[in-house]
Amino acid sequence: MAVYSFLAVFSILPFLASGRDQQKIGFTSSLGQVRYTLVKLGQLPSPIAKHPLNGTVYYRKDHPSVITISKLYYPIMGPDAFFWAGEDSPGCNDDSIGDTSYYLPVGKVGSTEYYSRELEILPAYDGTEKDVILRLPAGVTVRQLKWFCLWCRDFSVNFGQIDFDV
């Protein structure tokens, strides 16, 4: 009987450990593998009432060039808004445009192409979609970043920013 109880608990453990809040759990078993461990960077604030914003921002411990946002809530799109991150302080303003700030499109590799009108604009999210995955450009990791934000280029408005020192 004890063997069955052990197997029952052990068989669901990989599913429990894969949750977003289980940041420090990582193991391998014959029944499954946790794909990655997430480390929390912060909670997106919502300083602009016209464009509410919320979500928890993480990076992958084993791949620190991948940023994950869980439960992103951004129901009202900005006309030219996208995720942006950079290495210089204070960050997320017109003075930060340059080779050390990165446009981060959802599901693609980021770039320094700030002025390109081909940039994908962030669609609305209601908080129930899958996690948002962002990838920093080759050779850049979160350890180099000082800030991360949702930025509206047309109006030079910061919809919400996280400052960090990883």
C-alpha atoms as a PDB file:
ATOM      1  CA  MET A   1       0.000   0.000   0.000  1.00  0.00           C
ATOM      2  CA  ALA A   2       2.825   2.410   0.849  1.00  0.00           C
ATOM      3  CA  VAL A   3       4.385   1.730  -2.565  1.00  0.00           C
ATOM      4  CA  TYR A   4       1.167   2.777  -4.337  1.00  0.00           C
ATOM      5  CA  SER A   5       0.892   5.959  -2.260  1.00  0.00           C
ATOM      6  CA  PHE A   6       4.497   6.821  -3.045  1.00  0.00           C
ATOM      7  CA  LEU A   7       3.962   6.208  -6.762  1.00  0.00           C
ATOM      8  CA  ALA A   8       0.750   8.241  -6.811  1.00  0.00           C
ATOM      9  CA  VAL A   9       2.420  11.251  -5.174  1.00  0.00           C
ATOM     10  CA  PHE A  10       5.582  10.888  -7.229  1.00  0.00           C
ATOM     11  CA  SER A  11       3.632  10.665 -10.497  1.00  0.00           C
ATOM     12  CA  ILE A  12       1.924  14.047  -9.946  1.00  0.00           C
ATOM     13  CA  LEU A  13       5.018  15.797  -8.571  1.00  0.00           C
ATOM     14  CA  PRO A  14       6.281  16.916 -12.014  1.00  0.00           C
ATOM     15  CA  PHE A  15       2.953  18.657 -12.649  1.00  0.00           C
ATOM     16  CA  LEU A  16       3.000  20.398  -9.287  1.00  0.00           C
ATOM     17  CA  ALA A  17       6.620  21.465  -9.744  1.00  0.00           C
ATOM     18  CA  SER A  18       6.006  23.003 -13.150  1.00  0.00           C
ATOM     19  CA  GLY A  19       3.839  25.798 -11.722  1.00  0.00           C
ATOM     20  CA  ARG A  20       4.995  29.376 -12.123  1.00  0.00           C
ATOM     21  CA  ASP A  21       5.341  29.937  -8.377  1.00  0.00           C
ATOM     22  CA  GLN A  22       7.594  26.918  -7.901  1.00  0.00           C
ATOM     23  CA  GLN A  23      10.655  28.929  -8.828  1.00  0.00           C
ATOM     24  CA  LYS A  24      13.367  26.894  -7.145  1.00  0.00           C
ATOM     25  CA  ILE A  25      12.179  23.357  -7.899  1.00  0.00           C
ATOM     26  CA  GLY A  26      14.120  21.467 -10.517  1.00  0.00           C
ATOM     27  CA  PHE A  27      14.607  17.719 -10.777  1.00  0.00           C
ATOM     28  CA  THR A  28      14.600  14.813 -13.172  1.00  0.00           C
ATOM     29  CA  SER A  29      12.852  11.499 -12.642  1.00  0.00           C
ATOM     30  CA  SER A  30      11.861   8.542 -14.748  1.00  0.00           C
ATOM     31  CA  LEU A  31       8.305   9.910 -14.681  1.00  0.00           C
ATOM     32  CA  GLY A  32       9.033  13.374 -16.007  1.00  0.00           C
ATOM     33  CA  GLN A  33      11.329  16.363 -16.151  1.00  0.00           C
ATOM     34  CA  VAL A  34      10.810  19.959 -15.123  1.00  0.00           C
ATOM     35  CA  ARG A  35      11.768  21.879 -18.235  1.00  0.00           C
ATOM     36  CA  TYR A  36      13.074  25.039 -16.596  1.00  0.00           C
ATOM     37  CA  THR A  37      13.243  26.942 -13.358  1.00  0.00           C
ATOM     38  CA  LEU A  38      11.885  30.490 -13.274  1.00  0.00           C
ATOM     39  CA  VAL A  39      13.371  33.271 -11.159  1.00  0.00           C
ATOM     40  CA  LYS A  40      11.089  36.209 -10.377  1.00  0.00           C
ATOM     41  CA  LEU A  41      12.199  39.657 -11.530  1.00  0.00           C
ATOM     42  CA  GLY A  42       9.134  41.569 -10.415  1.00  0.00           C
ATOM     43  CA  GLN A  43       5.514  42.531 -10.869  1.00  0.00           C
ATOM     44  CA  LEU A  44       4.518  44.870 -13.699  1.00  0.00           C
ATOM     45  CA  PRO A  45       3.000  48.035 -12.214  1.00  0.00           C
ATOM     46  CA  SER A  46       0.095  49.951 -13.730  1.00  0.00           C
ATOM     47  CA  PRO A  47       0.850  53.675 -13.444  1.00  0.00           C
ATOM     48  CA  ILE A  48      -1.291  54.676 -16.468  1.00  0.00           C
ATOM     49  CA  ALA A  49      -5.045  54.282 -15.793  1.00  0.00           C
ATOM     50  CA  LYS A  50      -5.832  54.489 -19.506  1.00  0.00           C
ATOM     51  CA  HIS A  51      -3.692  51.387 -20.185  1.00  0.00           C
ATOM     52  CA  PRO A  52      -3.983  48.976 -17.224  1.00  0.00           C
ATOM     53  CA  LEU A  53      -1.102  46.561 -16.891  1.00  0.00           C
ATOM     54  CA  ASN A  54      -0.305  43.615 -14.656  1.00  0.00           C
ATOM     55  CA  GLY A  55       1.726  40.423 -14.820  1.00  0.00           C
ATOM     56  CA  THR A  56       4.630  38.696 -13.141  1.00  0.00           C
ATOM     57  CA  VAL A  57       7.997  38.826 -14.892  1.00  0.00           C
ATOM     58  CA  TYR A  58      10.523  35.983 -14.599  1.00  0.00           C
ATOM     59  CA  TYR A  59      13.665  34.813 -16.331  1.00  0.00           C
ATOM     60  CA  ARG A  60      14.755  31.241 -16.948  1.00  0.00           C
ATOM     61  CA  LYS A  61      17.510  30.308 -14.549  1.00  0.00           C
ATOM     62  CA  ASP A  62      19.201  27.972 -17.047  1.00  0.00           C
ATOM     63  CA  HIS A  63      18.705  30.351 -19.989  1.00  0.00           C
ATOM     64  CA  PRO A  64      18.877  33.960 -18.693  1.00  0.00           C
ATOM     65  CA  SER A  65      18.225  35.454 -22.118  1.00  0.00           C
ATOM     66  CA  VAL A  66      14.592  34.271 -21.960  1.00  0.00           C
ATOM     67  CA  ILE A  67      12.018  36.385 -20.121  1.00  0.00           C
ATOM     68  CA  THR A  68       8.621  34.933 -19.214  1.00  0.00           C
ATOM     69  CA  ILE A  69       5.566  36.972 -18.233  1.00  0.00           C
ATOM     70  CA  SER A  70       2.743  35.088 -16.557  1.00  0.00           C
ATOM     71  CA  LYS A  71      -0.859  36.229 -16.337  1.00  0.00           C
ATOM     72  CA  LEU A  72      -0.258  39.309 -18.485  1.00  0.00           C
ATOM     73  CA  TYR A  73      -3.169  41.702 -18.169  1.00  0.00           C
ATOM     74  CA  TYR A  74      -3.070  44.486 -20.747  1.00  0.00           C
ATOM     75  CA  PRO A  75      -6.648  44.859 -22.028  1.00  0.00           C
ATOM     76  CA  ILE A  76      -6.336  48.191 -23.857  1.00  0.00           C
ATOM     77  CA  MET A  77      -3.670  48.304 -26.559  1.00  0.00           C
ATOM     78  CA  GLY A  78      -1.459  51.304 -27.015  1.00  0.00           C
ATOM     79  CA  PRO A  79      -1.100  52.563 -30.603  1.00  0.00           C
ATOM     80  CA  ASP A  80       2.605  51.699 -30.790  1.00  0.00           C
ATOM     81  CA  ALA A  81       3.424  49.731 -27.633  1.00  0.00           C
ATOM     82  CA  PHE A  82       5.972  46.964 -27.145  1.00  0.00           C
ATOM     83  CA  PHE A  83       8.178  45.425 -24.480  1.00  0.00           C
ATOM     84  CA  TRP A  84      11.520  47.161 -24.187  1.00  0.00           C
ATOM     85  CA  ALA A  85      14.533  46.488 -21.950  1.00  0.00           C
ATOM     86  CA  GLY A  86      17.886  48.144 -21.471  1.00  0.00           C
ATOM     87  CA  GLU A  87      21.258  48.234 -19.803  1.00  0.00           C
ATOM     88  CA  ASP A  88      21.448  51.950 -18.954  1.00  0.00           C
ATOM     89  CA  SER A  89      19.823  53.816 -16.078  1.00  0.00           C
ATOM     90  CA  PRO A  90      17.341  55.358 -15.457  1.00  0.00           C
ATOM     91  CA  GLY A  91      15.728  53.597 -18.407  1.00  0.00           C
ATOM     92  CA  CYS A  92      12.516  53.423 -20.373  1.00  0.00           C
ATOM     93  CA  ASN A  93      12.470  56.915 -21.800  1.00  0.00           C
ATOM     94  CA  ASP A  94      13.568  58.619 -25.025  1.00  0.00           C
ATOM     95  CA  ASP A  95      17.104  59.001 -23.663  1.00  0.00           C
ATOM     96  CA  SER A  96      17.489  55.202 -23.544  1.00  0.00           C
ATOM     97  CA  ILE A  97      17.253  54.627 -27.296  1.00  0.00           C
ATOM     98  CA  GLY A  98      20.471  53.031 -28.517  1.00  0.00           C
ATOM     99  CA  ASP A  99      22.606  49.930 -28.862  1.00  0.00           C
ATOM    100  CA  THR A 100      22.004  48.812 -25.276  1.00  0.00           C
ATOM    101  CA  SER A 101      18.199  48.896 -25.343  1.00  0.00           C
ATOM    102  CA  TYR A 102      16.195  46.071 -26.862  1.00  0.00           C
ATOM    103  CA  TYR A 103      12.817  45.792 -28.539  1.00  0.00           C
ATOM    104  CA  LEU A 104      11.330  42.455 -27.405  1.00  0.00           C
ATOM    105  CA  PRO A 105       8.644  40.978 -29.674  1.00  0.00           C
ATOM    106  CA  VAL A 106       6.538  38.137 -28.304  1.00  0.00           C
ATOM    107  CA  GLY A 107       7.910  34.733 -29.291  1.00  0.00           C
ATOM    108  CA  LYS A 108      10.815  36.117 -31.337  1.00  0.00           C
ATOM    109  CA  VAL A 109      14.380  37.269 -30.729  1.00  0.00           C
ATOM    110  CA  GLY A 110      14.732  40.896 -29.668  1.00  0.00           C
ATOM    111  CA  SER A 111      16.741  43.573 -31.458  1.00  0.00           C
ATOM    112  CA  THR A 112      17.993  47.149 -31.263  1.00  0.00           C
ATOM    113  CA  GLU A 113      15.774  48.167 -34.229  1.00  0.00           C
ATOM    114  CA  TYR A 114      13.882  50.828 -32.275  1.00  0.00           C
ATOM    115  CA  TYR A 115      13.001  53.072 -35.232  1.00  0.00           C
ATOM    116  CA  SER A 116      11.753  50.383 -37.628  1.00  0.00           C
ATOM    117  CA  ARG A 117       8.040  50.774 -38.395  1.00  0.00           C
ATOM    118  CA  GLU A 118       7.998  47.010 -39.062  1.00  0.00           C
ATOM    119  CA  LEU A 119       8.048  46.316 -35.312  1.00  0.00           C
ATOM    120  CA  GLU A 120       5.150  44.209 -34.066  1.00  0.00           C
ATOM    121  CA  ILE A 121       2.874  46.052 -31.662  1.00  0.00           C
ATOM    122  CA  LEU A 122       1.828  44.223 -28.502  1.00  0.00           C
ATOM    123  CA  PRO A 123      -1.770  42.980 -28.753  1.00  0.00           C
ATOM    124  CA  ALA A 124      -4.220  43.105 -25.856  1.00  0.00           C
ATOM    125  CA  TYR A 125      -4.075  40.377 -23.177  1.00  0.00           C
ATOM    126  CA  ASP A 126      -6.802  39.562 -20.661  1.00  0.00           C
ATOM    127  CA  GLY A 127      -4.646  37.615 -18.184  1.00  0.00           C
ATOM    128  CA  THR A 128      -5.911  34.168 -19.189  1.00  0.00           C
ATOM    129  CA  GLU A 129      -3.598  33.479 -22.138  1.00  0.00           C
ATOM    130  CA  LYS A 130      -0.473  31.339 -22.042  1.00  0.00           C
ATOM    131  CA  ASP A 131       2.722  32.833 -20.664  1.00  0.00           C
ATOM    132  CA  VAL A 132       4.371  35.485 -22.836  1.00  0.00           C
ATOM    133  CA  ILE A 133       7.883  34.477 -23.897  1.00  0.00           C
ATOM    134  CA  LEU A 134      10.444  37.158 -24.821  1.00  0.00           C
ATOM    135  CA  ARG A 135      14.000  36.504 -26.014  1.00  0.00           C
ATOM    136  CA  LEU A 136      16.869  38.934 -25.643  1.00  0.00           C
ATOM    137  CA  PRO A 137      19.260  39.338 -28.601  1.00  0.00           C
ATOM    138  CA  ALA A 138      22.182  36.898 -28.928  1.00  0.00           C
ATOM    139  CA  GLY A 139      24.805  37.490 -26.257  1.00  0.00           C
ATOM    140  CA  VAL A 140      22.505  39.525 -23.956  1.00  0.00           C
ATOM    141  CA  THR A 141      21.173  38.183 -20.640  1.00  0.00           C
ATOM    142  CA  VAL A 142      19.005  39.648 -17.887  1.00  0.00           C
ATOM    143  CA  ARG A 143      22.158  40.036 -15.792  1.00  0.00           C
ATOM    144  CA  GLN A 144      23.127  42.957 -18.033  1.00  0.00           C
ATOM    145  CA  LEU A 145      19.746  44.698 -17.840  1.00  0.00           C
ATOM    146  CA  LYS A 146      18.788  47.522 -15.504  1.00  0.00           C
ATOM    147  CA  TRP A 147      15.125  47.893 -16.547  1.00  0.00           C
ATOM    148  CA  PHE A 148      12.224  46.286 -18.393  1.00  0.00           C
ATOM    149  CA  CYS A 149       9.046  48.067 -19.482  1.00  0.00           C
ATOM    150  CA  LEU A 150       6.028  48.326 -21.744  1.00  0.00           C
ATOM    151  CA  TRP A 151       6.672  51.396 -23.861  1.00  0.00           C
ATOM    152  CA  CYS A 152       4.520  53.399 -26.291  1.00  0.00           C
ATOM    153  CA  ARG A 153       6.848  54.818 -28.909  1.00  0.00           C
ATOM    154  CA  ASP A 154       4.300  57.160 -30.570  1.00  0.00           C
ATOM    155  CA  PHE A 155       3.625  59.082 -27.362  1.00  0.00           C
ATOM    156  CA  SER A 156       6.875  58.360 -25.461  1.00  0.00           C
ATOM    157  CA  VAL A 157       4.889  56.903 -22.567  1.00  0.00           C
ATOM    158  CA  ASN A 158       6.087  54.273 -20.131  1.00  0.00           C
ATOM    159  CA  PHE A 159       3.062  52.051 -19.352  1.00  0.00           C
ATOM    160  CA  GLY A 160       4.916  50.239 -16.564  1.00  0.00           C
ATOM    161  CA  GLN A 161       8.517  49.479 -15.621  1.00  0.00           C
ATOM    162  CA  ILE A 162      10.513  47.090 -13.456  1.00  0.00           C
ATOM    163  CA  ASP A 163      13.995  48.143 -12.340  1.00  0.00           C
ATOM    164  CA  PHE A 164      16.337  45.378 -11.304  1.00  0.00           C
ATOM    165  CA  ASP A 165      19.885  44.313 -10.700  1.00  0.00           C
ATOM    166  CA  VAL A 166      20.233  40.569 -11.305  1.00  0.00           C
END
